[in-house]
Amino acid sequence: MSSSIRIRVAVADDFEELAPLVTASQLYQKKELEGKILDDESAFVKQERETVKKWLDDNSKVYIMALDSKEKIVGFTLLFDDRVSQQGTIHDLYVTDTMRGHGIATELIARAEQWFKAQNINRVVLAVLKTNRAAMKVYEKTGFLPYEDNYVYLRKNIQK
């Protein structure tokens, strides 16, 4: 990782800079990786911004950010913890296009693991889209392995 990158936990004051990056990552996922067409992109963006604001104040969730030498956010990961099951989730991980390939994702994962350990979380899980091969490589490189458990995940689409 570049020595000019700094990793830290986000705080409420980071909202205005963090929210657009989170929204961009979610738009990328929906459009590029999932191939979805959004009926109302502005409503989607508004909802994402509201979610970021809410989650910045939620003690069971934390954003960890990577900042460049100018203190601009160039990546983030969103972590959920479930202290009852002692399981943590890496919900999102995103690095801007121009900063990919510099070890930032690996450093964000390492910092996430440190945070989980400090919360007495002993297992970390994540989900990644099958189409996101670059992310799969990073996760495998950092020790994540596919697993099966006793659950079958089911889905049902219902009309509003």
N, C-alpha and C. Protein backbone atom coordinates (compact mmCIF):
# COMPACT_ATOMS: atom_id res chain seq x y z
N MET A 1 0.85 -1.19 0.00
CA MET A 1 0.00 0.00 0.00
C MET A 1 0.88 1.24 0.00
N SER A 2 0.42 2.27 -0.65
CA SER A 2 1.14 3.53 -0.69
C SER A 2 1.25 4.12 0.72
N SER A 3 2.41 4.65 1.05
CA SER A 3 2.61 5.22 2.38
C SER A 3 1.79 6.49 2.59
N SER A 4 1.23 7.04 1.52
CA SER A 4 0.44 8.26 1.66
C SER A 4 -1.03 7.96 1.97
N ILE A 5 -1.38 6.69 2.11
CA ILE A 5 -2.76 6.31 2.43
C ILE A 5 -2.89 6.13 3.94
N ARG A 6 -3.95 6.69 4.47
CA ARG A 6 -4.23 6.57 5.90
C ARG A 6 -5.59 5.89 6.06
N ILE A 7 -5.69 4.98 7.01
CA ILE A 7 -6.93 4.24 7.26
C ILE A 7 -7.48 4.68 8.62
N ARG A 8 -8.79 4.97 8.65
CA ARG A 8 -9.41 5.32 9.93
C ARG A 8 -10.91 5.05 9.90
N VAL A 9 -11.50 5.00 11.07
CA VAL A 9 -12.94 4.81 11.22
C VAL A 9 -13.64 6.12 10.87
N ALA A 10 -14.74 6.02 10.15
CA ALA A 10 -15.53 7.20 9.79
C ALA A 10 -16.32 7.69 10.99
N VAL A 11 -16.56 8.99 11.01
CA VAL A 11 -17.41 9.62 12.02
C VAL A 11 -18.50 10.40 11.30
N ALA A 12 -19.47 10.88 12.05
CA ALA A 12 -20.61 11.59 11.45
C ALA A 12 -20.18 12.75 10.56
N ASP A 13 -19.10 13.44 10.93
CA ASP A 13 -18.63 14.58 10.13
C ASP A 13 -18.12 14.17 8.75
N ASP A 14 -17.91 12.89 8.51
CA ASP A 14 -17.45 12.40 7.20
C ASP A 14 -18.60 12.18 6.22
N PHE A 15 -19.82 12.38 6.68
CA PHE A 15 -21.00 12.04 5.87
C PHE A 15 -20.97 12.64 4.46
N GLU A 16 -20.74 13.95 4.35
CA GLU A 16 -20.85 14.62 3.04
C GLU A 16 -19.85 14.08 2.02
N GLU A 17 -18.69 13.64 2.46
CA GLU A 17 -17.73 13.06 1.52
C GLU A 17 -17.94 11.56 1.34
N LEU A 18 -18.35 10.88 2.39
CA LEU A 18 -18.51 9.43 2.33
C LEU A 18 -19.75 9.02 1.54
N ALA A 19 -20.86 9.71 1.75
CA ALA A 19 -22.13 9.31 1.12
C ALA A 19 -22.05 9.21 -0.41
N PRO A 20 -21.44 10.17 -1.12
CA PRO A 20 -21.35 10.01 -2.57
C PRO A 20 -20.53 8.80 -3.01
N LEU A 21 -19.50 8.46 -2.26
CA LEU A 21 -18.67 7.30 -2.60
C LEU A 21 -19.45 6.01 -2.36
N VAL A 22 -20.17 5.93 -1.24
CA VAL A 22 -21.00 4.76 -0.96
C VAL A 22 -22.06 4.62 -2.04
N THR A 23 -22.70 5.72 -2.39
CA THR A 23 -23.73 5.70 -3.42
C THR A 23 -23.15 5.25 -4.76
N ALA A 24 -21.98 5.76 -5.11
CA ALA A 24 -21.33 5.36 -6.37
C ALA A 24 -21.05 3.86 -6.37
N SER A 25 -20.61 3.33 -5.23
CA SER A 25 -20.32 1.89 -5.16
C SER A 25 -21.60 1.08 -5.33
N GLN A 26 -22.69 1.54 -4.75
CA GLN A 26 -23.96 0.82 -4.87
C GLN A 26 -24.53 0.90 -6.29
N LEU A 27 -24.38 2.07 -6.91
CA LEU A 27 -24.81 2.20 -8.31
C LEU A 27 -23.99 1.28 -9.21
N TYR A 28 -22.68 1.23 -8.99
CA TYR A 28 -21.82 0.34 -9.76
C TYR A 28 -22.25 -1.12 -9.59
N GLN A 29 -22.53 -1.50 -8.36
CA GLN A 29 -22.95 -2.87 -8.12
C GLN A 29 -24.25 -3.18 -8.84
N LYS A 30 -25.23 -2.33 -8.69
CA LYS A 30 -26.53 -2.58 -9.29
C LYS A 30 -26.45 -2.59 -10.82
N LYS A 31 -25.81 -1.58 -11.39
CA LYS A 31 -25.80 -1.44 -12.85
C LYS A 31 -24.80 -2.36 -13.53
N GLU A 32 -23.56 -2.31 -13.07
CA GLU A 32 -22.49 -3.02 -13.78
C GLU A 32 -22.39 -4.50 -13.40
N LEU A 33 -22.46 -4.79 -12.12
CA LEU A 33 -22.26 -6.17 -11.69
C LEU A 33 -23.54 -7.00 -11.72
N GLU A 34 -24.66 -6.37 -11.39
CA GLU A 34 -25.93 -7.10 -11.39
C GLU A 34 -26.72 -6.88 -12.67
N GLY A 35 -26.34 -5.89 -13.48
CA GLY A 35 -27.03 -5.62 -14.74
C GLY A 35 -28.44 -5.10 -14.57
N LYS A 36 -28.72 -4.44 -13.47
CA LYS A 36 -30.06 -3.93 -13.21
C LYS A 36 -30.26 -2.54 -13.80
N ILE A 37 -31.48 -2.27 -14.13
CA ILE A 37 -31.87 -0.93 -14.58
C ILE A 37 -32.70 -0.32 -13.46
N LEU A 38 -32.27 0.84 -12.99
CA LEU A 38 -32.98 1.50 -11.90
C LEU A 38 -34.07 2.39 -12.47
N ASP A 39 -35.28 2.19 -12.00
CA ASP A 39 -36.41 2.98 -12.48
C ASP A 39 -36.29 4.44 -12.07
N ASP A 40 -35.80 4.68 -10.87
CA ASP A 40 -35.69 6.03 -10.35
C ASP A 40 -34.35 6.17 -9.63
N GLU A 41 -33.33 6.54 -10.39
CA GLU A 41 -31.98 6.62 -9.82
C GLU A 41 -31.88 7.68 -8.74
N SER A 42 -32.58 8.79 -8.90
CA SER A 42 -32.50 9.84 -7.88
C SER A 42 -33.09 9.37 -6.55
N ALA A 43 -34.15 8.59 -6.59
CA ALA A 43 -34.73 8.04 -5.36
C ALA A 43 -33.76 7.04 -4.73
N PHE A 44 -33.08 6.25 -5.56
CA PHE A 44 -32.09 5.30 -5.07
C PHE A 44 -30.96 6.05 -4.36
N VAL A 45 -30.47 7.11 -4.98
CA VAL A 45 -29.38 7.91 -4.40
C VAL A 45 -29.83 8.52 -3.07
N LYS A 46 -31.04 9.05 -3.04
CA LYS A 46 -31.56 9.65 -1.80
C LYS A 46 -31.63 8.61 -0.69
N GLN A 47 -32.12 7.42 -1.01
CA GLN A 47 -32.22 6.35 0.00
C GLN A 47 -30.84 5.93 0.48
N GLU A 48 -29.87 5.81 -0.42
CA GLU A 48 -28.51 5.44 -0.02
C GLU A 48 -27.92 6.48 0.93
N ARG A 49 -28.13 7.75 0.62
CA ARG A 49 -27.62 8.81 1.50
C ARG A 49 -28.24 8.70 2.89
N GLU A 50 -29.54 8.45 2.97
CA GLU A 50 -30.22 8.31 4.25
C GLU A 50 -29.67 7.11 5.02
N THR A 51 -29.39 6.04 4.30
CA THR A 51 -28.84 4.84 4.94
C THR A 51 -27.46 5.11 5.51
N VAL A 52 -26.61 5.79 4.75
CA VAL A 52 -25.27 6.11 5.23
C VAL A 52 -25.36 6.94 6.51
N LYS A 53 -26.21 7.94 6.49
CA LYS A 53 -26.37 8.81 7.67
C LYS A 53 -26.81 8.00 8.89
N LYS A 54 -27.80 7.12 8.69
CA LYS A 54 -28.31 6.29 9.78
C LYS A 54 -27.22 5.34 10.29
N TRP A 55 -26.49 4.72 9.38
CA TRP A 55 -25.49 3.74 9.79
C TRP A 55 -24.26 4.37 10.43
N LEU A 56 -23.97 5.62 10.11
CA LEU A 56 -22.87 6.30 10.80
C LEU A 56 -23.16 6.47 12.29
N ASP A 57 -24.44 6.46 12.65
CA ASP A 57 -24.84 6.61 14.05
C ASP A 57 -25.19 5.29 14.73
N ASP A 58 -25.03 4.17 14.03
CA ASP A 58 -25.41 2.85 14.55
C ASP A 58 -24.16 2.15 15.10
N ASN A 59 -24.16 1.85 16.39
CA ASN A 59 -22.98 1.24 17.02
C ASN A 59 -22.67 -0.16 16.55
N SER A 60 -23.61 -0.83 15.88
CA SER A 60 -23.34 -2.18 15.39
C SER A 60 -22.79 -2.17 13.96
N LYS A 61 -22.59 -0.98 13.42
CA LYS A 61 -22.05 -0.83 12.06
C LYS A 61 -20.93 0.20 12.10
N VAL A 62 -19.94 0.00 11.25
CA VAL A 62 -18.85 0.97 11.19
C VAL A 62 -18.32 1.04 9.76
N TYR A 63 -18.06 2.25 9.33
CA TYR A 63 -17.36 2.47 8.07
C TYR A 63 -15.89 2.70 8.40
N ILE A 64 -15.03 2.00 7.69
CA ILE A 64 -13.60 2.25 7.79
C ILE A 64 -13.18 2.81 6.44
N MET A 65 -12.45 3.91 6.46
CA MET A 65 -12.12 4.63 5.23
C MET A 65 -10.62 4.64 4.97
N ALA A 66 -10.29 4.70 3.68
CA ALA A 66 -8.92 4.93 3.24
C ALA A 66 -8.87 6.34 2.68
N LEU A 67 -7.90 7.13 3.15
CA LEU A 67 -7.77 8.52 2.71
C LEU A 67 -6.41 8.71 2.05
N ASP A 68 -6.40 9.50 0.98
CA ASP A 68 -5.13 9.78 0.30
C ASP A 68 -4.39 10.91 1.01
N SER A 69 -3.28 11.35 0.45
CA SER A 69 -2.44 12.37 1.09
C SER A 69 -3.15 13.72 1.23
N LYS A 70 -4.21 13.92 0.44
CA LYS A 70 -4.99 15.17 0.55
C LYS A 70 -6.23 14.98 1.42
N GLU A 71 -6.28 13.82 2.13
CA GLU A 71 -7.39 13.49 3.03
C GLU A 71 -8.70 13.24 2.28
N LYS A 72 -8.61 12.90 1.00
CA LYS A 72 -9.79 12.55 0.21
C LYS A 72 -10.04 11.05 0.38
N ILE A 73 -11.31 10.68 0.56
CA ILE A 73 -11.66 9.27 0.73
C ILE A 73 -11.51 8.56 -0.62
N VAL A 74 -10.69 7.50 -0.63
CA VAL A 74 -10.46 6.75 -1.87
C VAL A 74 -10.93 5.30 -1.75
N GLY A 75 -11.47 4.95 -0.60
CA GLY A 75 -12.00 3.61 -0.41
C GLY A 75 -12.66 3.50 0.95
N PHE A 76 -13.49 2.48 1.10
CA PHE A 76 -14.14 2.26 2.39
C PHE A 76 -14.58 0.80 2.47
N THR A 77 -14.82 0.37 3.67
CA THR A 77 -15.51 -0.89 3.92
C THR A 77 -16.55 -0.63 4.99
N LEU A 78 -17.65 -1.34 4.89
CA LEU A 78 -18.73 -1.24 5.86
C LEU A 78 -18.82 -2.56 6.61
N LEU A 79 -18.76 -2.48 7.93
CA LEU A 79 -18.75 -3.66 8.78
C LEU A 79 -20.00 -3.71 9.64
N PHE A 80 -20.55 -4.91 9.80
CA PHE A 80 -21.65 -5.16 10.73
C PHE A 80 -21.13 -6.13 11.76
N ASP A 81 -21.53 -5.95 13.02
CA ASP A 81 -21.16 -6.95 14.00
C ASP A 81 -22.39 -7.47 14.71
N ASP A 82 -22.35 -8.75 15.01
CA ASP A 82 -23.39 -9.41 15.78
C ASP A 82 -22.69 -10.04 16.97
N ARG A 83 -22.68 -9.33 18.07
CA ARG A 83 -21.94 -9.79 19.24
C ARG A 83 -22.56 -11.04 19.86
N VAL A 84 -23.85 -11.28 19.61
CA VAL A 84 -24.48 -12.47 20.15
C VAL A 84 -23.88 -13.72 19.50
N SER A 85 -23.78 -13.71 18.18
CA SER A 85 -23.23 -14.88 17.47
C SER A 85 -21.71 -14.79 17.34
N GLN A 86 -21.15 -13.67 17.77
CA GLN A 86 -19.72 -13.40 17.64
C GLN A 86 -19.28 -13.51 16.17
N GLN A 87 -20.13 -12.98 15.30
CA GLN A 87 -19.83 -13.00 13.87
C GLN A 87 -19.89 -11.59 13.32
N GLY A 88 -18.90 -11.25 12.51
CA GLY A 88 -18.90 -9.97 11.85
C GLY A 88 -19.11 -10.16 10.36
N THR A 89 -19.61 -9.11 9.72
CA THR A 89 -19.84 -9.15 8.28
C THR A 89 -19.16 -7.97 7.61
N ILE A 90 -18.40 -8.26 6.58
CA ILE A 90 -17.93 -7.20 5.69
C ILE A 90 -19.05 -7.04 4.67
N HIS A 91 -19.80 -5.96 4.83
CA HIS A 91 -20.99 -5.75 4.01
C HIS A 91 -20.63 -5.14 2.66
N ASP A 92 -19.73 -4.20 2.66
CA ASP A 92 -19.28 -3.55 1.43
C ASP A 92 -17.79 -3.30 1.53
N LEU A 93 -17.14 -3.29 0.38
CA LEU A 93 -15.75 -2.87 0.28
C LEU A 93 -15.60 -2.26 -1.10
N TYR A 94 -15.09 -1.04 -1.13
CA TYR A 94 -14.99 -0.32 -2.40
C TYR A 94 -13.75 0.55 -2.40
N VAL A 95 -13.04 0.52 -3.53
CA VAL A 95 -11.89 1.40 -3.75
C VAL A 95 -12.13 2.10 -5.09
N THR A 96 -11.85 3.39 -5.14
CA THR A 96 -12.06 4.14 -6.37
C THR A 96 -11.22 3.56 -7.50
N ASP A 97 -11.71 3.71 -8.73
CA ASP A 97 -11.04 3.15 -9.91
C ASP A 97 -9.56 3.52 -9.96
N THR A 98 -9.25 4.78 -9.73
CA THR A 98 -7.87 5.24 -9.88
C THR A 98 -6.93 4.70 -8.82
N MET A 99 -7.49 4.19 -7.71
CA MET A 99 -6.64 3.72 -6.61
C MET A 99 -6.59 2.20 -6.50
N ARG A 100 -7.29 1.51 -7.39
CA ARG A 100 -7.26 0.04 -7.36
C ARG A 100 -5.87 -0.47 -7.75
N GLY A 101 -5.51 -1.60 -7.17
CA GLY A 101 -4.22 -2.20 -7.48
C GLY A 101 -3.08 -1.70 -6.63
N HIS A 102 -3.37 -0.91 -5.61
CA HIS A 102 -2.35 -0.35 -4.73
C HIS A 102 -2.39 -0.96 -3.32
N GLY A 103 -3.14 -2.03 -3.13
CA GLY A 103 -3.19 -2.70 -1.83
C GLY A 103 -4.15 -2.08 -0.84
N ILE A 104 -4.97 -1.14 -1.28
CA ILE A 104 -5.88 -0.46 -0.36
C ILE A 104 -6.96 -1.40 0.15
N ALA A 105 -7.52 -2.22 -0.73
CA ALA A 105 -8.55 -3.17 -0.30
C ALA A 105 -7.98 -4.14 0.74
N THR A 106 -6.77 -4.61 0.51
CA THR A 106 -6.12 -5.52 1.46
C THR A 106 -5.93 -4.84 2.81
N GLU A 107 -5.53 -3.58 2.79
CA GLU A 107 -5.34 -2.84 4.04
C GLU A 107 -6.67 -2.59 4.75
N LEU A 108 -7.72 -2.30 3.99
CA LEU A 108 -9.05 -2.12 4.59
C LEU A 108 -9.52 -3.42 5.26
N ILE A 109 -9.27 -4.55 4.61
CA ILE A 109 -9.65 -5.83 5.19
C ILE A 109 -8.85 -6.09 6.47
N ALA A 110 -7.56 -5.80 6.45
CA ALA A 110 -6.73 -5.99 7.65
C ALA A 110 -7.25 -5.12 8.79
N ARG A 111 -7.59 -3.88 8.49
CA ARG A 111 -8.10 -2.99 9.54
C ARG A 111 -9.46 -3.47 10.02
N ALA A 112 -10.28 -4.00 9.12
CA ALA A 112 -11.58 -4.56 9.51
C ALA A 112 -11.38 -5.71 10.49
N GLU A 113 -10.42 -6.58 10.19
CA GLU A 113 -10.15 -7.70 11.08
C GLU A 113 -9.70 -7.21 12.46
N GLN A 114 -8.90 -6.17 12.49
CA GLN A 114 -8.48 -5.60 13.78
C GLN A 114 -9.69 -5.09 14.56
N TRP A 115 -10.57 -4.39 13.86
CA TRP A 115 -11.77 -3.84 14.50
C TRP A 115 -12.63 -4.96 15.06
N PHE A 116 -12.85 -6.01 14.25
CA PHE A 116 -13.66 -7.13 14.72
C PHE A 116 -13.04 -7.78 15.96
N LYS A 117 -11.74 -7.99 15.95
CA LYS A 117 -11.06 -8.59 17.10
C LYS A 117 -11.27 -7.75 18.36
N ALA A 118 -11.22 -6.44 18.21
CA ALA A 118 -11.43 -5.55 19.35
C ALA A 118 -12.86 -5.64 19.88
N GLN A 119 -13.80 -6.09 19.04
CA GLN A 119 -15.20 -6.27 19.46
C GLN A 119 -15.46 -7.69 19.95
N ASN A 120 -14.40 -8.50 20.07
CA ASN A 120 -14.51 -9.91 20.45
C ASN A 120 -15.30 -10.73 19.45
N ILE A 121 -15.18 -10.36 18.20
CA ILE A 121 -15.79 -11.11 17.10
C ILE A 121 -14.75 -12.11 16.61
N ASN A 122 -15.15 -13.38 16.51
CA ASN A 122 -14.17 -14.39 16.15
C ASN A 122 -14.38 -15.02 14.77
N ARG A 123 -15.36 -14.54 14.03
CA ARG A 123 -15.58 -15.05 12.67
C ARG A 123 -16.09 -13.91 11.80
N VAL A 124 -15.57 -13.83 10.58
CA VAL A 124 -15.99 -12.78 9.64
C VAL A 124 -16.49 -13.45 8.37
N VAL A 125 -17.63 -12.99 7.91
CA VAL A 125 -18.22 -13.50 6.67
C VAL A 125 -18.44 -12.35 5.71
N LEU A 126 -18.62 -12.69 4.47
CA LEU A 126 -18.98 -11.71 3.46
C LEU A 126 -19.63 -12.42 2.29
N ALA A 127 -20.30 -11.67 1.48
CA ALA A 127 -20.88 -12.19 0.24
C ALA A 127 -20.31 -11.35 -0.89
N VAL A 128 -20.04 -12.00 -1.99
CA VAL A 128 -19.52 -11.29 -3.16
C VAL A 128 -20.25 -11.83 -4.39
N LEU A 129 -20.58 -10.92 -5.29
CA LEU A 129 -21.23 -11.35 -6.53
C LEU A 129 -20.30 -12.25 -7.33
N LYS A 130 -20.85 -13.29 -7.89
CA LYS A 130 -20.04 -14.20 -8.71
C LYS A 130 -19.34 -13.49 -9.85
N THR A 131 -19.96 -12.42 -10.34
CA THR A 131 -19.38 -11.67 -11.47
C THR A 131 -18.23 -10.76 -11.07
N ASN A 132 -18.03 -10.56 -9.79
CA ASN A 132 -16.99 -9.64 -9.32
C ASN A 132 -15.70 -10.41 -9.05
N ARG A 133 -15.05 -10.80 -10.12
CA ARG A 133 -13.85 -11.64 -10.02
C ARG A 133 -12.68 -10.92 -9.34
N ALA A 134 -12.57 -9.62 -9.55
CA ALA A 134 -11.48 -8.86 -8.91
C ALA A 134 -11.62 -8.92 -7.40
N ALA A 135 -12.83 -8.73 -6.91
CA ALA A 135 -13.06 -8.80 -5.46
C ALA A 135 -12.77 -10.20 -4.94
N MET A 136 -13.19 -11.22 -5.69
CA MET A 136 -12.93 -12.60 -5.27
C MET A 136 -11.43 -12.83 -5.08
N LYS A 137 -10.63 -12.31 -5.98
CA LYS A 137 -9.17 -12.48 -5.86
C LYS A 137 -8.65 -11.83 -4.58
N VAL A 138 -9.12 -10.64 -4.29
CA VAL A 138 -8.67 -9.94 -3.08
C VAL A 138 -9.09 -10.72 -1.84
N TYR A 139 -10.33 -11.16 -1.81
CA TYR A 139 -10.81 -11.88 -0.63
C TYR A 139 -10.06 -13.20 -0.44
N GLU A 140 -9.84 -13.93 -1.51
CA GLU A 140 -9.09 -15.19 -1.41
C GLU A 140 -7.65 -14.93 -0.97
N LYS A 141 -7.05 -13.86 -1.50
CA LYS A 141 -5.68 -13.50 -1.14
C LYS A 141 -5.56 -13.19 0.36
N THR A 142 -6.63 -12.67 0.93
CA THR A 142 -6.60 -12.30 2.35
C THR A 142 -7.15 -13.40 3.25
N GLY A 143 -7.35 -14.60 2.68
CA GLY A 143 -7.69 -15.75 3.50
C GLY A 143 -9.15 -16.14 3.56
N PHE A 144 -10.02 -15.47 2.85
CA PHE A 144 -11.44 -15.85 2.84
C PHE A 144 -11.64 -17.02 1.90
N LEU A 145 -12.45 -17.97 2.35
CA LEU A 145 -12.73 -19.17 1.58
C LEU A 145 -14.24 -19.36 1.45
N PRO A 146 -14.68 -19.92 0.33
CA PRO A 146 -16.12 -20.24 0.22
C PRO A 146 -16.50 -21.24 1.31
N TYR A 147 -17.72 -21.16 1.78
CA TYR A 147 -18.18 -22.11 2.80
C TYR A 147 -19.64 -22.41 2.59
N GLU A 148 -20.05 -23.52 3.14
CA GLU A 148 -21.45 -23.89 3.18
C GLU A 148 -21.80 -24.10 4.64
N ASP A 149 -23.01 -23.77 4.98
CA ASP A 149 -23.45 -24.02 6.34
C ASP A 149 -24.79 -24.74 6.30
N ASN A 150 -25.51 -24.71 7.36
CA ASN A 150 -26.76 -25.45 7.45
C ASN A 150 -27.95 -24.71 6.86
N TYR A 151 -27.71 -23.60 6.21
CA TYR A 151 -28.81 -22.80 5.69
C TYR A 151 -28.90 -22.90 4.17
N VAL A 152 -30.11 -22.83 3.69
CA VAL A 152 -30.40 -22.66 2.28
C VAL A 152 -31.05 -21.30 2.18
N TYR A 153 -30.55 -20.46 1.32
CA TYR A 153 -31.09 -19.11 1.19
C TYR A 153 -32.17 -19.11 0.13
N LEU A 154 -33.32 -18.61 0.49
CA LEU A 154 -34.49 -18.58 -0.39
C LEU A 154 -34.90 -17.14 -0.64
N ARG A 155 -35.54 -16.93 -1.76
CA ARG A 155 -36.00 -15.58 -2.11
C ARG A 155 -37.36 -15.69 -2.78
N LYS A 156 -38.18 -14.70 -2.54
CA LYS A 156 -39.47 -14.60 -3.19
C LYS A 156 -39.71 -13.15 -3.53
N ASN A 157 -39.99 -12.86 -4.77
CA ASN A 157 -40.35 -11.51 -5.17
C ASN A 157 -41.85 -11.35 -5.03
N ILE A 158 -42.26 -10.27 -4.39
CA ILE A 158 -43.69 -9.98 -4.25
C ILE A 158 -43.97 -8.60 -4.80
N GLN A 159 -45.16 -8.41 -5.24
CA GLN A 159 -45.56 -7.11 -5.80
C GLN A 159 -45.91 -6.16 -4.68
N LYS A 160 -45.64 -4.89 -4.90
CA LYS A 160 -46.00 -3.86 -3.90
C LYS A 160 -47.48 -3.61 -3.93
